[in-house]
Protein backbone atom coordinates (compact mmCIF):
# COMPACT_ATOMS: atom_id res chain seq x y z
CA MET A 1 36.99 46.73 -36.98
CA GLU A 2 35.85 49.29 -34.47
CA ARG A 3 37.42 49.08 -31.06
CA LEU A 4 35.43 50.07 -27.90
CA ASN A 5 36.76 51.04 -24.59
CA ARG A 6 34.94 49.79 -21.52
CA ARG A 7 33.04 53.01 -20.94
CA GLU A 8 31.67 53.11 -24.58
CA ALA A 9 30.72 49.48 -24.31
CA LEU A 10 28.74 50.02 -21.17
CA GLN A 11 27.03 53.02 -22.69
CA ARG A 12 25.96 50.99 -25.80
CA VAL A 13 24.65 47.94 -24.01
CA ALA A 14 23.04 49.66 -21.09
CA CYS A 15 19.51 49.04 -22.44
CA GLY A 16 20.59 45.34 -22.94
CA PHE A 17 21.13 44.92 -19.18
CA GLY A 18 17.50 45.97 -18.59
CA SER A 19 16.32 43.39 -21.09
CA LEU A 20 18.46 40.72 -19.45
CA ALA A 21 16.92 41.48 -16.11
CA LEU A 22 13.43 41.45 -17.50
CA ALA A 23 14.04 38.23 -19.20
CA ASP A 24 15.26 36.73 -15.99
CA LEU A 25 12.15 37.93 -14.14
CA PHE A 26 10.09 36.33 -16.84
CA ALA A 27 11.93 33.12 -16.66
CA ARG A 28 11.48 32.96 -12.90
CA TRP A 29 7.83 33.73 -13.17
CA ALA A 30 7.22 31.13 -15.89
CA ALA A 31 9.13 28.53 -13.93
CA ARG A 32 7.20 29.14 -10.63
CA SER A 33 3.96 29.34 -12.44
CA ALA A 34 4.49 26.02 -14.38
CA ARG A 35 3.08 23.89 -11.66
CA ALA A 36 0.31 26.22 -10.74
CA ALA A 37 -0.81 26.29 -14.37
CA THR A 38 -1.37 22.61 -14.26
CA THR A 39 -4.53 22.77 -12.10
CA LYS A 40 -7.41 21.29 -14.16
CA ALA A 41 -11.08 21.78 -13.93
CA PRO A 42 -12.95 18.81 -12.41
CA HIS A 43 -15.71 17.00 -14.31
CA HIS A 44 -18.29 18.14 -11.85
CA PRO A 45 -18.32 20.13 -8.56
CA PRO A 46 -16.19 18.32 -6.01
CA ARG A 47 -17.21 17.50 -2.42
CA ALA A 48 -13.58 16.82 -1.30
CA ARG A 49 -10.38 18.58 -2.28
CA ARG A 50 -7.93 16.07 -0.80
CA VAL A 51 -7.56 12.57 0.48
CA ILE A 52 -5.62 11.04 3.54
CA PHE A 53 -5.49 7.32 3.02
CA LEU A 54 -4.75 5.38 6.24
CA PHE A 55 -3.46 1.98 4.91
CA MET A 56 -3.51 -0.85 7.38
CA GLN A 57 -1.15 -3.39 5.72
CA GLY A 58 -1.92 -7.03 6.22
CA GLY A 59 -5.74 -7.03 6.57
CA PRO A 60 -7.21 -6.08 10.01
CA SER A 61 -9.94 -8.56 11.18
CA HIS A 62 -13.26 -6.89 10.53
CA VAL A 63 -15.01 -9.28 12.82
CA ASP A 64 -12.69 -8.30 15.69
CA THR A 65 -12.95 -4.46 15.01
CA PHE A 66 -16.00 -2.90 13.38
CA ASP A 67 -18.29 -5.79 12.23
CA TYR A 68 -20.03 -7.18 15.20
CA LYS A 69 -21.30 -10.77 14.74
CA PRO A 70 -23.04 -12.36 17.82
CA THR A 71 -23.38 -15.59 15.87
CA LEU A 72 -19.58 -16.12 16.16
CA ILE A 73 -19.99 -16.01 19.91
CA GLU A 74 -23.03 -18.45 19.81
CA ARG A 75 -21.30 -20.91 17.59
CA ASP A 76 -17.69 -20.58 18.71
CA GLY A 77 -15.73 -23.84 18.17
CA GLU A 78 -18.22 -25.48 15.72
CA LEU A 79 -17.03 -27.01 12.56
CA LEU A 80 -18.74 -25.42 9.51
CA SER A 81 -18.13 -25.36 5.69
CA PHE A 82 -16.94 -22.18 4.18
CA ASP A 83 -16.47 -21.86 0.47
CA ASP A 84 -13.11 -19.91 0.87
CA PRO A 85 -11.22 -19.18 -2.34
CA ARG A 86 -7.88 -19.38 -0.62
CA THR A 87 -8.71 -22.85 0.77
CA ARG A 88 -10.03 -23.90 -2.61
CA ALA A 89 -6.83 -22.78 -4.27
CA LYS A 90 -4.80 -24.74 -1.83
CA THR A 91 -6.81 -27.90 -1.62
CA GLY A 92 -9.26 -27.90 -4.60
CA LYS A 93 -12.20 -28.42 -2.34
CA VAL A 94 -14.48 -26.80 0.34
CA ILE A 95 -13.50 -28.03 3.80
CA LYS A 96 -14.89 -27.45 7.29
CA HIS A 97 -13.23 -24.83 9.54
CA GLN A 98 -13.76 -24.01 13.19
CA VAL A 99 -15.77 -20.97 13.95
CA MET A 100 -13.84 -18.55 16.17
CA ARG A 101 -15.54 -15.84 18.31
CA PRO A 102 -14.19 -12.26 18.50
CA ARG A 103 -11.34 -12.00 20.89
CA TRP A 104 -12.48 -8.53 22.05
CA LYS A 105 -15.76 -7.33 23.47
CA PHE A 106 -17.96 -4.98 21.39
CA ARG A 107 -20.11 -2.13 22.50
CA GLN A 108 -22.20 0.56 20.91
CA TYR A 109 -21.00 4.24 20.64
CA GLY A 110 -22.47 7.57 19.67
CA GLU A 111 -26.01 8.63 18.45
CA SER A 112 -25.49 6.23 15.52
CA GLY A 113 -25.20 3.18 17.96
CA SER A 114 -22.13 1.90 16.01
CA TRP A 115 -20.53 -1.33 17.30
CA VAL A 116 -16.84 -1.06 17.97
CA SER A 117 -14.54 -3.41 19.79
CA GLU A 118 -12.32 -2.75 22.60
CA LEU A 119 -9.48 -2.54 20.11
CA PHE A 120 -10.47 0.99 18.99
CA PRO A 121 -11.66 2.99 22.12
CA HIS A 122 -10.35 6.34 20.74
CA VAL A 123 -11.68 5.95 17.20
CA ALA A 124 -14.98 4.81 18.78
CA ARG A 125 -15.57 8.26 20.14
CA HIS A 126 -15.73 9.54 16.55
CA VAL A 127 -18.14 7.02 15.12
CA ASP A 128 -20.74 9.67 14.49
CA ASP A 129 -18.34 11.20 11.95
CA LEU A 130 -17.59 7.92 10.23
CA CYS A 131 -19.24 6.31 7.19
CA PHE A 132 -18.73 2.49 7.42
CA VAL A 133 -18.81 0.15 4.42
CA HIS A 134 -19.36 -3.41 5.81
CA SER A 135 -19.63 -5.14 2.50
CA ALA A 136 -16.29 -4.38 0.81
CA GLN A 137 -14.94 -7.03 -1.69
CA THR A 138 -11.58 -7.13 -3.49
CA GLU A 139 -9.52 -9.31 -5.84
CA GLY A 140 -6.48 -11.18 -4.81
CA ILE A 141 -6.23 -13.71 -1.93
CA ALA A 142 -2.55 -12.97 -1.15
CA HIS A 143 -1.14 -9.70 0.21
CA GLY A 144 0.84 -8.76 -2.90
CA PRO A 145 -1.98 -9.03 -5.50
CA ALA A 146 -4.64 -7.51 -3.11
CA THR A 147 -2.33 -4.63 -2.16
CA LEU A 148 -1.65 -3.85 -5.75
CA PHE A 149 -5.41 -3.96 -6.54
CA LEU A 150 -6.20 -1.66 -3.64
CA HIS A 151 -3.63 0.96 -4.89
CA THR A 152 -3.72 0.50 -8.73
CA GLY A 153 -6.88 -1.47 -9.65
CA ALA A 154 -4.74 -4.18 -11.15
CA ILE A 155 -3.30 -7.44 -9.77
CA ALA A 156 -0.74 -8.35 -12.35
CA PHE A 157 -0.10 -5.45 -14.67
CA VAL A 158 1.97 -2.31 -13.95
CA ARG A 159 -0.81 0.36 -13.66
CA PRO A 160 -0.83 3.90 -12.25
CA SER A 161 -1.67 4.30 -8.60
CA MET A 162 -4.80 5.98 -7.42
CA GLY A 163 -2.82 9.05 -6.21
CA SER A 164 -1.30 9.44 -9.68
CA TRP A 165 -4.72 9.10 -11.39
CA ILE A 166 -6.01 11.87 -9.00
CA LEU A 167 -3.12 14.21 -9.87
CA TYR A 168 -3.51 13.45 -13.57
CA GLY A 169 -7.21 14.40 -13.37
CA LEU A 170 -6.95 17.48 -11.12
CA GLY A 171 -3.38 18.75 -11.41
CA THR A 172 -1.69 20.52 -8.50
CA GLU A 173 -2.91 22.88 -5.80
CA ASN A 174 0.47 24.19 -4.66
CA GLU A 175 3.87 24.92 -6.12
CA ASN A 176 6.15 24.10 -3.12
CA LEU A 177 5.39 20.51 -2.32
CA PRO A 178 4.66 17.34 -4.18
CA ASP A 179 0.89 16.74 -4.55
CA PHE A 180 1.08 13.01 -3.79
CA VAL A 181 3.17 11.90 -0.72
CA THR A 182 3.32 8.41 0.87
CA LEU A 183 4.64 8.24 4.39
CA ASN A 184 6.82 5.18 5.33
CA PRO A 185 5.72 3.00 2.39
CA PRO A 186 6.51 -0.67 2.45
CA MET A 187 9.05 -2.06 -0.06
CA ASN A 188 7.33 -5.33 -0.21
CA VAL A 189 3.80 -6.28 -1.45
CA GLY A 190 3.88 -4.07 -4.44
CA GLY A 191 6.59 -1.68 -3.16
CA PRO A 192 7.06 1.42 -5.33
CA ARG A 193 4.29 0.25 -7.67
CA ASN A 194 1.85 1.25 -4.96
CA TYR A 195 2.66 4.97 -5.60
CA SER A 196 3.98 4.75 -9.20
CA SER A 197 2.72 6.76 -12.10
CA ALA A 198 3.42 3.81 -14.39
CA PHE A 199 2.66 4.82 -17.94
CA LEU A 200 1.20 8.25 -16.93
CA PRO A 201 3.66 11.15 -17.25
CA SER A 202 6.24 10.99 -14.42
CA VAL A 203 5.17 14.31 -13.05
CA TYR A 204 2.27 12.40 -11.39
CA GLN A 205 4.55 10.09 -9.50
CA GLY A 206 4.12 9.71 -5.75
CA THR A 207 6.94 11.01 -3.49
CA PRO A 208 7.97 8.73 -0.62
CA VAL A 209 9.04 10.10 2.76
CA GLY A 210 10.87 7.43 4.88
CA ARG A 211 10.18 3.71 4.50
CA ALA A 212 8.38 0.97 6.38
CA GLY A 213 10.02 0.14 9.64
CA GLN A 214 11.94 3.46 9.83
CA LYS A 215 11.14 6.10 12.57
CA LEU A 216 9.50 9.00 10.86
CA SER A 217 11.48 11.31 13.11
CA LEU A 218 14.52 10.23 11.13
CA ALA A 219 12.86 10.37 7.70
CA SER A 220 12.62 13.27 5.24
CA PHE A 221 12.53 13.93 1.64
CA PRO A 222 15.85 12.82 0.24
CA ASN A 223 18.49 15.36 -0.64
CA ILE A 224 16.26 18.21 0.28
CA GLN A 225 19.11 20.55 1.39
CA ASN A 226 22.21 21.63 -0.39
CA PRO A 227 24.90 22.30 2.15
CA ARG A 228 27.37 23.73 -0.42
CA TYR A 229 25.51 26.75 -1.76
CA ASP A 230 23.12 29.39 -0.39
CA SER A 231 19.72 29.88 -1.93
CA ALA A 232 20.67 32.84 -4.05
CA HIS A 233 23.53 30.85 -5.68
CA GLN A 234 21.23 27.87 -6.29
CA ARG A 235 18.59 30.13 -7.78
CA ARG A 236 21.02 31.62 -10.33
CA HIS A 237 22.27 28.07 -11.10
CA LEU A 238 18.81 26.69 -11.57
CA ASP A 239 17.68 29.67 -13.72
CA LEU A 240 20.49 28.98 -16.05
CA VAL A 241 19.73 25.18 -16.25
CA GLN A 242 16.04 25.80 -16.76
CA SER A 243 16.66 28.23 -19.54
CA LEU A 244 18.58 25.56 -21.37
CA ASN A 245 15.97 22.96 -20.57
CA ARG A 246 13.22 25.15 -21.91
CA ALA A 247 15.08 25.79 -25.05
CA ARG A 248 15.53 22.06 -25.45
CA ALA A 249 11.90 21.48 -24.60
CA ALA A 250 10.78 23.88 -27.33
CA GLU A 251 12.43 21.55 -29.86
CA THR A 252 10.48 18.56 -28.59
CA PRO A 253 7.17 19.95 -27.16
CA ALA A 254 5.54 16.56 -26.98
CA ASP A 255 8.10 15.10 -24.68
CA ALA A 256 6.23 14.71 -21.38
CA ASP A 257 9.20 13.23 -19.46
CA PHE A 258 11.33 16.29 -20.35
CA ASP A 259 8.63 18.55 -19.21
CA ALA A 260 8.36 16.57 -15.95
CA VAL A 261 12.08 17.10 -15.37
CA ILE A 262 11.78 20.90 -15.76
CA ARG A 263 8.91 20.96 -13.29
CA SER A 264 10.64 18.71 -10.83
CA TYR A 265 13.79 20.94 -10.73
CA GLU A 266 11.63 23.92 -9.86
CA LEU A 267 9.62 22.02 -7.27
CA ALA A 268 12.90 20.62 -5.75
CA PHE A 269 14.11 24.19 -5.31
CA GLN A 270 10.93 25.34 -3.64
CA MET A 271 10.78 22.37 -1.41
CA GLN A 272 14.03 23.39 0.33
CA PHE A 273 12.08 26.10 2.12
CA GLU A 274 8.72 24.44 2.57
CA VAL A 275 9.61 20.89 3.58
CA PRO A 276 11.46 21.70 6.75
CA ARG A 277 8.42 23.71 8.00
CA VAL A 278 6.07 20.92 7.30
CA LEU A 279 8.12 18.16 8.80
CA ASP A 280 8.95 20.27 11.85
CA LEU A 281 6.69 19.18 14.72
CA THR A 282 8.32 21.53 17.27
CA THR A 283 5.91 24.26 16.30
CA GLU A 284 2.94 22.22 17.43
CA SER A 285 1.59 22.67 20.91
CA LYS A 286 2.31 20.30 23.70
CA GLU A 287 -1.36 19.34 23.86
CA THR A 288 -1.43 18.52 20.13
CA LEU A 289 1.69 16.32 20.41
CA GLN A 290 0.23 14.44 23.29
CA SER A 291 -3.13 13.97 21.60
CA TYR A 292 -1.40 12.15 18.64
CA GLY A 293 0.64 10.03 21.15
CA ILE A 294 4.02 11.56 20.12
CA GLY A 295 6.42 10.74 22.89
CA ASP A 296 4.63 7.54 23.86
CA LYS A 297 6.62 4.55 22.62
CA ALA A 298 3.53 2.63 21.36
CA THR A 299 2.02 5.52 19.34
CA ASP A 300 5.02 7.78 18.57
CA SER A 301 5.80 6.53 15.03
CA PHE A 302 2.26 6.39 13.66
CA GLY A 303 1.33 9.65 15.51
CA ARG A 304 4.08 11.50 13.81
CA GLN A 305 2.73 10.17 10.44
CA CYS A 306 -0.77 11.23 11.12
CA LEU A 307 0.33 14.72 12.33
CA ILE A 308 2.57 15.25 9.29
CA ALA A 309 -0.33 14.15 7.08
CA ARG A 310 -2.43 16.85 8.60
CA LYS A 311 0.25 19.41 7.98
CA LEU A 312 0.76 18.23 4.45
CA VAL A 313 -2.94 18.59 3.48
CA GLU A 314 -3.08 21.84 5.28
CA ALA A 315 -0.18 23.00 3.04
CA GLY A 316 -2.05 21.98 -0.16
CA VAL A 317 -0.94 18.39 -0.81
CA ARG A 318 -3.75 16.71 -2.57
CA PHE A 319 -3.16 12.98 -1.74
CA VAL A 320 -1.39 11.66 1.35
CA GLN A 321 -0.92 8.00 2.19
CA VAL A 322 -0.21 7.14 5.82
CA ASN A 323 1.16 3.49 5.98
CA TYR A 324 1.01 1.32 8.97
CA SER A 325 3.29 -1.25 7.53
CA ASN A 326 6.74 -2.90 7.79
CA ASP A 327 9.19 -4.62 5.45
CA SER A 328 8.95 -8.16 6.96
CA SER A 329 5.45 -9.76 7.48
CA PRO A 330 2.57 -7.23 7.18
CA PRO A 331 1.77 -6.22 10.76
CA TRP A 332 -2.05 -7.01 10.73
CA ASP A 333 -1.44 -10.49 9.26
CA GLN A 334 -2.22 -12.71 12.22
CA HIS A 335 -2.58 -16.25 10.82
CA SER A 336 -1.63 -17.17 14.41
CA LYS A 337 -1.88 -15.24 17.65
CA ILE A 338 -4.69 -12.98 16.66
CA GLU A 339 -4.06 -11.33 20.06
CA GLN A 340 -1.27 -9.41 18.37
CA HIS A 341 -4.04 -7.27 16.80
CA ALA A 342 -4.06 -5.49 20.18
CA ILE A 343 -0.49 -4.27 19.62
CA HIS A 344 -1.22 -2.85 16.25
CA ALA A 345 -4.58 -1.32 17.30
CA ARG A 346 -2.85 0.40 20.18
CA ALA A 347 -0.27 1.91 17.77
CA VAL A 348 -2.86 3.50 15.46
CA ASP A 349 -6.00 4.02 17.49
CA ARG A 350 -5.05 7.17 19.42
CA PRO A 351 -3.23 8.85 16.37
CA ILE A 352 -6.19 8.32 14.04
CA ALA A 353 -8.64 9.68 16.62
CA ALA A 354 -6.42 12.70 17.03
CA LEU A 355 -6.16 13.28 13.34
CA LEU A 356 -9.99 13.17 12.99
CA TYR A 357 -10.40 15.61 15.82
CA ASP A 358 -7.55 17.86 14.54
CA LEU A 359 -8.97 18.06 11.06
CA LYS A 360 -12.51 18.86 12.30
CA ARG A 361 -11.39 21.62 14.66
CA ARG A 362 -9.36 23.25 11.92
CA GLY A 363 -12.34 23.11 9.45
CA LEU A 364 -10.46 20.72 7.17
CA LEU A 365 -12.56 17.56 7.59
CA ASP A 366 -15.45 18.97 5.42
CA ASP A 367 -13.28 18.87 2.30
CA THR A 368 -10.75 16.27 3.29
CA LEU A 369 -11.70 12.64 2.74
CA VAL A 370 -10.19 10.22 5.30
CA TRP A 371 -10.09 6.66 4.14
CA TRP A 372 -9.18 3.78 6.45
CA SER A 373 -8.78 0.22 5.07
CA GLY A 374 -6.55 -2.86 4.69
CA GLU A 375 -6.18 -4.82 1.49
CA PHE A 376 -8.78 -7.32 2.72
CA GLY A 377 -10.38 -8.64 5.92
CA ARG A 378 -10.00 -11.89 7.78
CA THR A 379 -11.94 -15.12 8.17
CA PRO A 380 -14.46 -15.77 10.77
CA TYR A 381 -12.92 -19.26 11.37
CA ALA A 382 -9.82 -20.13 13.14
CA GLN A 383 -6.47 -20.88 11.62
CA ASP A 384 -3.25 -22.58 12.94
CA ARG A 385 -4.73 -24.60 15.77
CA GLY A 386 -7.33 -21.94 16.59
CA THR A 387 -5.00 -19.07 17.24
CA GLY A 388 -5.37 -16.84 14.16
CA ARG A 389 -7.41 -16.03 11.11
CA ASP A 390 -6.83 -16.34 7.30
CA HIS A 391 -7.21 -13.74 4.54
CA ASN A 392 -10.75 -12.83 3.53
CA PRO A 393 -11.36 -10.86 0.27
CA LEU A 394 -15.12 -11.81 0.11
CA GLY A 395 -16.43 -9.33 2.68
CA PHE A 396 -14.77 -6.88 5.07
CA THR A 397 -15.10 -3.33 6.62
CA MET A 398 -13.46 -0.07 5.67
CA TRP A 399 -14.63 3.47 6.67
CA PHE A 400 -14.46 6.97 5.52
CA ALA A 401 -14.81 10.38 7.24
CA GLY A 402 -15.43 13.92 6.00
CA GLY A 403 -14.99 14.84 2.33
CA GLY A 404 -18.72 14.54 1.39
CA VAL A 405 -19.70 11.20 2.88
CA LYS A 406 -22.62 10.51 5.28
CA PRO A 407 -21.47 10.74 8.91
CA GLY A 408 -22.64 8.06 11.38
CA PHE A 409 -23.70 5.84 8.44
CA HIS A 410 -23.51 2.13 7.88
CA PHE A 411 -23.79 0.62 4.36
CA GLY A 412 -23.83 -3.00 3.30
CA ALA A 413 -23.47 -6.12 5.44
CA THR A 414 -21.67 -9.52 5.59
CA ASP A 415 -23.57 -12.69 6.43
CA GLU A 416 -24.12 -13.68 10.04
CA TYR A 417 -20.54 -14.94 10.29
CA GLY A 418 -18.88 -12.00 8.64
CA PHE A 419 -17.61 -14.28 5.91
CA GLN A 420 -19.15 -12.92 2.62
CA ALA A 421 -20.79 -9.68 1.67
CA VAL A 422 -24.55 -10.33 1.12
CA GLU A 423 -26.09 -6.97 1.37
CA ASN A 424 -25.19 -4.25 -1.15
CA PRO A 425 -21.69 -5.66 -2.00
CA VAL A 426 -19.18 -2.96 -2.77
CA HIS A 427 -16.27 -3.95 -5.03
CA MET A 428 -12.95 -2.17 -4.77
CA ARG A 429 -13.54 -0.64 -8.19
CA ASP A 430 -16.63 0.82 -6.70
CA ILE A 431 -14.65 2.31 -3.95
CA HIS A 432 -12.17 3.76 -6.41
CA ALA A 433 -15.05 5.25 -8.53
CA THR A 434 -16.71 6.81 -5.45
CA ILE A 435 -13.48 8.41 -4.28
CA LEU A 436 -12.82 9.91 -7.69
CA TYR A 437 -16.45 11.14 -7.76
CA LEU A 438 -16.01 12.88 -4.43
CA LEU A 439 -13.03 14.72 -5.78
CA GLY A 440 -15.04 15.86 -8.89
CA LEU A 441 -13.86 13.19 -11.27
CA ASP A 442 -15.98 10.90 -13.50
CA HIS A 443 -14.11 7.53 -13.42
CA THR A 444 -15.32 6.67 -16.88
CA ARG A 445 -13.91 9.87 -18.40
CA LEU A 446 -10.63 9.77 -16.56
CA THR A 447 -8.74 7.88 -19.18
CA TYR A 448 -5.26 7.67 -20.70
CA THR A 449 -4.27 6.15 -24.01
CA PHE A 450 -1.29 3.81 -23.81
CA GLY A 451 -0.20 0.97 -25.99
CA GLY A 452 -3.10 1.44 -28.34
CA ARG A 453 -6.02 1.28 -25.77
CA GLU A 454 -7.54 3.56 -23.27
CA PHE A 455 -6.88 2.79 -19.55
CA ARG A 456 -8.68 3.95 -16.42
CA LEU A 457 -8.32 3.34 -12.68
CA THR A 458 -11.56 1.27 -12.66
CA ASP A 459 -10.68 -0.51 -15.93
CA VAL A 460 -14.09 -1.72 -17.35
CA GLY A 461 -15.96 -1.87 -14.01
CA GLY A 462 -16.88 0.31 -11.13
CA ARG A 463 -19.88 2.26 -10.03
CA VAL A 464 -20.22 5.38 -7.81
CA VAL A 465 -21.82 4.23 -4.51
CA HIS A 466 -24.17 7.26 -4.27
CA GLU A 467 -25.64 5.79 -0.96
CA LEU A 468 -22.48 6.88 0.86
CA LEU A 469 -22.70 10.50 -0.25
CA ALA A 470 -24.09 13.14 2.14
């Protein structure tokens, strides 16, 4: 056996060091390019590149916010029959309820002459940028089922959330952040199922930041920093682990979960440097912070969420959900004391208006779709001795802005009481289909085979509401 001294060994393997270095460079390039390579072509030219979903948990009262009904004022206090599915489920019959007028005054704003109540004076200044749907309908008469249907298109089954479907259809636009982020999500009424990838590959799972009821100033992506090792040490460690992972993946190329693990490791490393920058609001001007209501007790929490949402989409995140929610009773759920709507409107009105203004002045609103909605509306009749309103899935209002929708536009209508959609009803499946269409996706082609059948977000229904498109 030939024995080599150290100098001879180094001379013989010198070229090998170059190969190792080159292999390391290729490994790093492949790892960092893995996520970028997952970008997929849309089915047709998109009008929007990203979505910010402003979720108002609990169901704001449309007849007290954006759906003006003078008949409620004229017939306030009268007993009338309403064929309410929630009442029918409880009593098995149609009963009379006491009509209740709006508790806040309405007035018209903008060139569009849109009616908005006193609850939303700041958003009202932007009505000429908003596209209202006054005839929305959904399934589920309780918060849990309706919230799940809003997010996943299903009431009882575990289905992928809309954000996951969007990522599955379009892939990623950045390699340093998750592409689906939910801010302060509630743990009740669907909980993690509202941002779950379900049977889709886990790489399309939503990433929560904080939780309902927690101050966003205290929230972050969990375990984002490694206090023990510097970035160079972590990079070497990760490259070794990833080389072993890729070797294992080559043996089972069809294992989507293993592929998701490889991608998530690389993403986690990149996030260490990007996340602190995105979540850091100290780089924003004093004027910007004030416009979002940051520093004001009533608006600070939701203002931070809205500002971070803007920073996330600016950084390339494709779907951001901003939750106005808590982990006890849903905040907009006023079965009694409807006057509490004023508390919640005050918390979100100024931040939402600031978000719309900020996106527009930065040139982001044109290709960012902002969507405001609860899981349903509320009844035009009184509940709990005339102090509140019940759930109403038969007709309610939601609005959109930017992202290819008509500005200053109103579509559909409820009846004279605001009880049921009677003109151009728009089912939640239609809303899902339209959002996908704006992003360049055909909802009938966005399918995934699982358990022997094909699934899609809109199941076997849904139509694109072309009337909303600019």
